[in-house]
């Protein structure tokens, strides 16, 4: 006699060993890891009996379960986030320094599978823009604005995208001397990491010669220079020319440019895309 597992409840049942397979054979039949099949049994999704301390699965139940898994299913897409309301709520959390509440809001979106770049573009950027407008209007202090920016930097760091798949190449991201805004470089680095680049994130206020030297030493396939200070734009263009002359594709950012533009331009500059007949891929 064995115990049959359905919905995690053991009930009496006959052995019928000749019509049963062990759990490892069932996992191979289903094309999954042994532990995955074990979890299905424990959850009651895959009926099984216990014979002398080992799980046995009826061949008919196994075949039925396999057919169910192979049946096409219409994927239910989660409802699109209501970005306007979410950004307004996040802006209030940031303005009040409510980091825990802001983190909870962001993690809920990430857990739903919302891409990091979408969270940055549709949530962080509008929230910070609103706070910046408040600073210009005199309703937000410099300290409050800096605190909000620091919270967002930490939240992006905690999201830390690390997707599977072969890396497109090695990218260096930095802002040059005189450009003290690190957050745009953090956003660019997160976007490239999400798009399967290995990223060397140097932050802000980096001397141009150091960026050129580092890119060479690191074997960079791409350099991204963030520019938020107009006084640094000319130096950024000159630095990009030096990098390109040494064979390193370089993207120079500017206020108003989107992360999607960065993603597409970076893909077009990847080693695979530069090879004859190459493609940047998805």
Protein backbone atom coordinates (compact mmCIF):
# COMPACT_ATOMS: atom_id res chain seq x y z
CA UNK A 1 0.00 0.00 0.00
CA UNK A 2 1.18 3.55 -0.66
CA UNK A 3 0.08 7.07 0.16
CA UNK A 4 -1.31 9.22 -2.63
CA UNK A 5 -0.51 12.92 -2.67
CA UNK A 6 -3.16 15.30 -3.97
CA UNK A 7 -3.09 18.92 -2.98
CA UNK A 8 -0.36 18.04 -0.48
CA UNK A 9 -2.64 15.60 1.42
CA UNK A 10 -1.65 11.95 1.78
CA UNK A 11 -4.50 9.45 1.24
CA UNK A 12 -4.61 5.70 1.00
CA UNK A 13 -3.95 4.12 -2.40
CA UNK A 14 -2.64 0.94 -3.97
CA UNK A 15 0.89 0.54 -5.19
CA UNK A 16 0.43 -0.54 -8.81
CA UNK A 17 4.22 -0.28 -9.24
CA UNK A 18 4.12 -1.70 -12.75
CA UNK A 19 2.11 1.29 -13.95
CA UNK A 20 4.24 3.83 -12.11
CA UNK A 21 7.58 5.58 -12.63
CA UNK A 22 9.85 7.15 -10.06
CA UNK A 23 10.11 10.90 -9.61
CA UNK A 24 13.44 11.24 -11.41
CA UNK A 25 12.08 9.42 -14.48
CA UNK A 26 8.98 11.60 -14.37
CA UNK A 27 11.16 14.74 -14.31
CA UNK A 28 13.08 13.49 -17.36
CA UNK A 29 9.79 12.77 -19.14
CA UNK A 30 8.62 16.32 -18.44
CA UNK A 31 11.98 17.87 -19.31
CA UNK A 32 12.45 19.58 -15.95
CA UNK A 33 14.80 19.36 -13.00
CA UNK A 34 14.07 16.75 -10.32
CA UNK A 35 13.38 19.51 -7.75
CA UNK A 36 10.80 21.10 -10.04
CA UNK A 37 8.89 17.82 -10.33
CA UNK A 38 9.19 17.40 -6.55
CA UNK A 39 7.60 20.82 -5.97
CA UNK A 40 4.73 19.91 -8.32
CA UNK A 41 4.12 16.75 -6.30
CA UNK A 42 4.23 18.58 -2.98
CA UNK A 43 1.81 21.21 -4.32
CA UNK A 44 -0.57 18.51 -5.53
CA UNK A 45 -0.30 19.49 -9.19
CA UNK A 46 1.29 16.14 -10.10
CA UNK A 47 -0.42 13.21 -8.30
CA UNK A 48 1.98 10.69 -6.72
CA UNK A 49 2.08 7.84 -4.22
CA UNK A 50 4.78 7.01 -1.71
CA UNK A 51 6.09 3.46 -1.89
CA UNK A 52 8.81 2.46 0.59
CA UNK A 53 9.70 6.11 1.09
CA UNK A 54 9.93 6.94 -2.63
CA UNK A 55 7.53 8.86 -4.83
CA UNK A 56 5.83 6.96 -7.65
CA UNK A 57 3.80 8.62 -10.39
CA UNK A 58 1.11 6.81 -12.34
CA UNK A 59 1.98 6.81 -16.04
CA UNK A 60 -1.54 7.90 -16.99
CA UNK A 61 -1.36 10.84 -14.55
CA UNK A 62 2.09 11.72 -15.89
CA UNK A 63 0.91 11.67 -19.49
CA UNK A 64 -2.14 13.76 -18.59
CA UNK A 65 0.03 16.31 -16.76
CA UNK A 66 2.45 16.48 -19.70
CA UNK A 67 -0.40 17.11 -22.16
CA UNK A 68 -1.78 19.88 -19.96
CA UNK A 69 1.62 21.58 -19.87
CA UNK A 70 1.92 21.37 -23.65
CA UNK A 71 -1.48 22.92 -24.29
CA UNK A 72 -1.21 26.50 -25.58
CA UNK A 73 -2.35 29.08 -23.07
CA UNK A 74 -3.32 32.67 -23.56
CA UNK A 75 -0.95 34.71 -21.48
CA UNK A 76 -2.62 37.26 -19.26
CA UNK A 77 -0.66 40.46 -19.30
CA UNK A 78 -0.73 42.53 -16.16
CA UNK A 79 -2.46 45.87 -16.38
CA UNK A 80 -0.18 48.71 -17.39
CA UNK A 81 0.90 50.84 -14.46
CA UNK A 82 -0.86 54.18 -14.04
CA UNK A 83 2.38 56.07 -14.23
CA UNK A 84 0.97 59.55 -13.60
CA UNK A 85 -0.51 58.64 -10.23
CA UNK A 86 2.47 56.47 -9.29
CA UNK A 87 4.96 59.23 -10.10
CA UNK A 88 2.95 61.75 -8.10
CA UNK A 89 2.84 59.41 -5.11
CA UNK A 90 6.56 58.61 -5.38
CA UNK A 91 7.33 62.33 -5.60
CA UNK A 92 5.57 62.89 -2.27
CA UNK A 93 7.49 60.03 -0.65
CA UNK A 94 10.78 61.42 -1.94
CA UNK A 95 9.97 64.95 -0.87
CA UNK A 96 9.19 63.78 2.67
CA UNK A 97 12.23 61.53 2.79
CA UNK A 98 10.07 58.40 3.11
CA UNK A 99 12.61 55.98 1.70
CA UNK A 100 10.90 52.83 2.98
CA UNK A 101 7.59 53.76 1.35
CA UNK A 102 9.36 54.70 -1.90
CA UNK A 103 11.23 51.40 -1.90
CA UNK A 104 8.02 49.44 -1.33
CA UNK A 105 6.37 51.18 -4.28
CA UNK A 106 9.31 50.46 -6.57
CA UNK A 107 9.78 46.85 -5.48
CA UNK A 108 6.10 46.10 -6.14
CA UNK A 109 6.57 47.22 -9.75
CA UNK A 110 9.80 45.25 -10.16
CA UNK A 111 8.13 42.13 -8.74
CA UNK A 112 5.41 42.48 -11.37
CA UNK A 113 8.09 42.27 -14.05
CA UNK A 114 8.16 45.96 -15.00
CA UNK A 115 11.56 46.65 -16.63
CA UNK A 116 14.00 48.81 -14.68
CA UNK A 117 14.31 51.23 -17.61
CA UNK A 118 10.51 51.73 -17.58
CA UNK A 119 10.57 52.43 -13.85
CA UNK A 120 13.34 54.98 -14.36
CA UNK A 121 11.70 56.68 -17.35
CA UNK A 122 8.09 56.71 -16.19
CA UNK A 123 8.45 56.92 -12.41
CA UNK A 124 11.77 58.34 -11.24
CA UNK A 125 12.25 60.97 -13.93
CA UNK A 126 8.77 62.59 -13.64
CA UNK A 127 8.92 62.50 -9.83
CA UNK A 128 12.33 64.19 -9.76
CA UNK A 129 11.30 66.67 -12.45
CA UNK A 130 8.38 67.74 -10.29
CA UNK A 131 10.67 68.18 -7.30
CA UNK A 132 13.10 70.17 -9.45
CA UNK A 133 10.28 72.46 -10.55
CA UNK A 134 9.42 72.96 -6.88
CA UNK A 135 13.00 73.96 -6.18
CA UNK A 136 12.89 76.54 -9.00
CA UNK A 137 9.59 77.87 -7.61
CA UNK A 138 11.06 78.11 -4.12
CA UNK A 139 8.73 75.54 -2.55
CA UNK A 140 11.42 72.84 -2.25
CA UNK A 141 14.75 73.36 -0.52
CA UNK A 142 18.12 72.33 -1.93
CA UNK A 143 18.48 69.82 0.92
CA UNK A 144 15.12 68.23 0.10
CA UNK A 145 16.01 68.00 -3.58
CA UNK A 146 19.39 66.42 -2.80
CA UNK A 147 17.80 63.96 -0.39
CA UNK A 148 15.27 62.88 -3.02
CA UNK A 149 18.03 62.38 -5.59
CA UNK A 150 20.10 60.33 -3.15
CA UNK A 151 17.11 58.07 -2.39
CA UNK A 152 16.52 57.44 -6.09
CA UNK A 153 20.19 56.57 -6.61
CA UNK A 154 19.99 54.00 -3.83
CA UNK A 155 16.75 52.55 -5.21
CA UNK A 156 18.24 52.11 -8.67
CA UNK A 157 21.25 50.41 -7.12
CA UNK A 158 18.97 48.00 -5.26
CA UNK A 159 17.12 47.06 -8.45
CA UNK A 160 20.48 45.95 -9.91
CA UNK A 161 19.35 44.38 -13.20
CA UNK A 162 21.39 41.29 -14.14
CA UNK A 163 19.57 39.51 -16.99
CA UNK A 164 20.63 36.18 -18.38
CA UNK A 165 22.26 35.86 -21.74
CA UNK A 166 25.49 36.68 -23.48
CA UNK A 167 26.73 40.21 -22.87
CA UNK A 168 26.68 42.64 -25.79
CA UNK A 169 30.02 44.07 -24.77
CA UNK A 170 31.77 46.18 -22.13
CA UNK A 171 30.53 49.74 -21.67
CA UNK A 172 32.06 52.57 -19.64
CA UNK A 173 29.65 55.22 -18.31
CA UNK A 174 30.83 58.52 -16.83
CA UNK A 175 30.30 62.26 -16.53
CA UNK A 176 33.36 64.45 -17.04
CA UNK A 177 35.04 66.96 -14.74
CA UNK A 178 32.73 69.87 -14.00
CA UNK A 179 29.59 67.76 -14.35
CA UNK A 180 28.63 66.88 -10.78
CA UNK A 181 25.33 65.10 -11.46
CA UNK A 182 25.85 61.37 -10.90
CA UNK A 183 22.22 60.28 -11.17
CA UNK A 184 22.05 60.39 -15.00
CA UNK A 185 25.09 58.11 -15.16
CA UNK A 186 23.40 55.72 -12.71
CA UNK A 187 20.28 55.64 -14.89
CA UNK A 188 22.32 55.02 -18.03
CA UNK A 189 24.33 52.27 -16.34
CA UNK A 190 21.17 50.50 -15.13
CA UNK A 191 19.60 50.69 -18.59
CA UNK A 192 22.66 49.20 -20.27
CA UNK A 193 22.96 46.45 -17.67
CA UNK A 194 19.32 45.56 -18.25
CA UNK A 195 20.13 45.31 -21.97
CA UNK A 196 22.90 42.78 -21.24
CA UNK A 197 25.96 45.02 -21.27
CA UNK A 198 28.81 44.61 -18.80
CA UNK A 199 29.02 48.12 -17.38
CA UNK A 200 31.93 49.96 -15.77
CA UNK A 201 30.18 52.82 -13.98
CA UNK A 202 32.64 55.61 -13.11
CA UNK A 203 30.11 58.15 -11.84
CA UNK A 204 30.50 61.91 -12.18
CA UNK A 205 33.30 64.50 -12.28
CA UNK A 206 35.87 62.20 -13.93
CA UNK A 207 38.83 63.84 -15.74
CA UNK A 208 38.64 63.27 -19.50
CA UNK A 209 42.13 61.79 -19.68
CA UNK A 210 41.17 59.26 -17.01
CA UNK A 211 38.11 58.18 -18.97
CA UNK A 212 40.21 57.66 -22.09
CA UNK A 213 42.88 55.74 -20.16
CA UNK A 214 40.36 53.60 -18.30
CA UNK A 215 38.46 52.75 -21.49
CA UNK A 216 41.67 51.55 -23.09
CA UNK A 217 42.79 49.52 -20.08
CA UNK A 218 39.34 47.96 -19.66
CA UNK A 219 39.02 47.02 -23.33
CA UNK A 220 35.80 49.01 -23.61
CA UNK A 221 33.50 48.35 -26.57
CA UNK A 222 31.50 51.50 -25.85
CA UNK A 223 31.79 54.70 -23.80
CA UNK A 224 28.78 56.73 -22.71
CA UNK A 225 29.41 60.31 -21.56
CA UNK A 226 26.57 61.91 -19.63
CA UNK A 227 26.27 65.69 -20.04
CA UNK A 228 24.01 67.81 -17.83
CA UNK A 229 26.25 70.89 -17.57
CA UNK A 230 26.38 72.89 -20.85
CA UNK A 231 29.89 74.09 -19.94
CA UNK A 232 31.14 70.49 -20.22
CA UNK A 233 29.55 69.76 -23.60
CA UNK A 234 32.53 70.93 -25.68
CA UNK A 235 34.97 68.87 -23.60
CA UNK A 236 32.67 65.85 -23.92
CA UNK A 237 32.67 66.18 -27.72
CA UNK A 238 36.47 66.47 -27.78
CA UNK A 239 36.80 63.43 -25.52
CA UNK A 240 34.44 61.44 -27.70
CA UNK A 241 36.56 62.28 -30.73
CA UNK A 242 39.68 61.01 -28.95
CA UNK A 243 37.93 57.78 -28.02
CA UNK A 244 36.53 57.23 -31.50
CA UNK A 245 39.94 57.84 -33.07
CA UNK A 246 41.24 54.98 -30.90
CA UNK A 247 38.44 52.72 -32.14
CA UNK A 248 36.02 53.02 -29.22
CA UNK A 249 32.45 54.02 -30.18
CA UNK A 250 31.22 56.83 -27.93
CA UNK A 251 27.78 58.21 -27.16
CA UNK A 252 27.48 61.75 -25.80
CA UNK A 253 24.36 62.37 -23.78
CA UNK A 254 22.40 65.59 -23.46
CA UNK A 255 19.38 66.84 -21.52
CA UNK A 256 16.18 65.55 -23.08
CA UNK A 257 17.66 62.40 -24.58
CA UNK A 258 15.78 59.26 -23.58
CA UNK A 259 17.02 55.96 -22.22
CA UNK A 260 15.39 54.19 -25.15
CA UNK A 261 17.50 56.27 -27.52
CA UNK A 262 20.57 55.29 -25.52
CA UNK A 263 19.63 51.62 -25.69
CA UNK A 264 19.14 51.66 -29.46
CA UNK A 265 22.29 53.66 -30.18
CA UNK A 266 24.32 51.41 -27.89
CA UNK A 267 23.05 48.30 -29.65
CA UNK A 268 23.99 49.81 -33.01
CA UNK A 269 27.50 50.38 -31.64
CA UNK A 270 27.93 46.89 -30.16
CA UNK A 271 30.69 44.60 -31.46
CA UNK A 272 28.10 42.25 -33.02
CA UNK A 273 26.42 45.11 -34.92
CA UNK A 274 29.77 46.41 -36.21
CA UNK A 275 30.77 43.06 -37.71
CA UNK A 276 29.94 42.55 -41.41
CA UNK A 277 26.38 41.30 -41.61
CA UNK A 278 26.05 41.74 -37.85
CA UNK A 279 22.86 42.50 -35.97
CA UNK A 280 22.31 44.17 -32.62
CA UNK A 281 19.72 41.52 -31.76
CA UNK A 282 16.75 41.90 -29.42
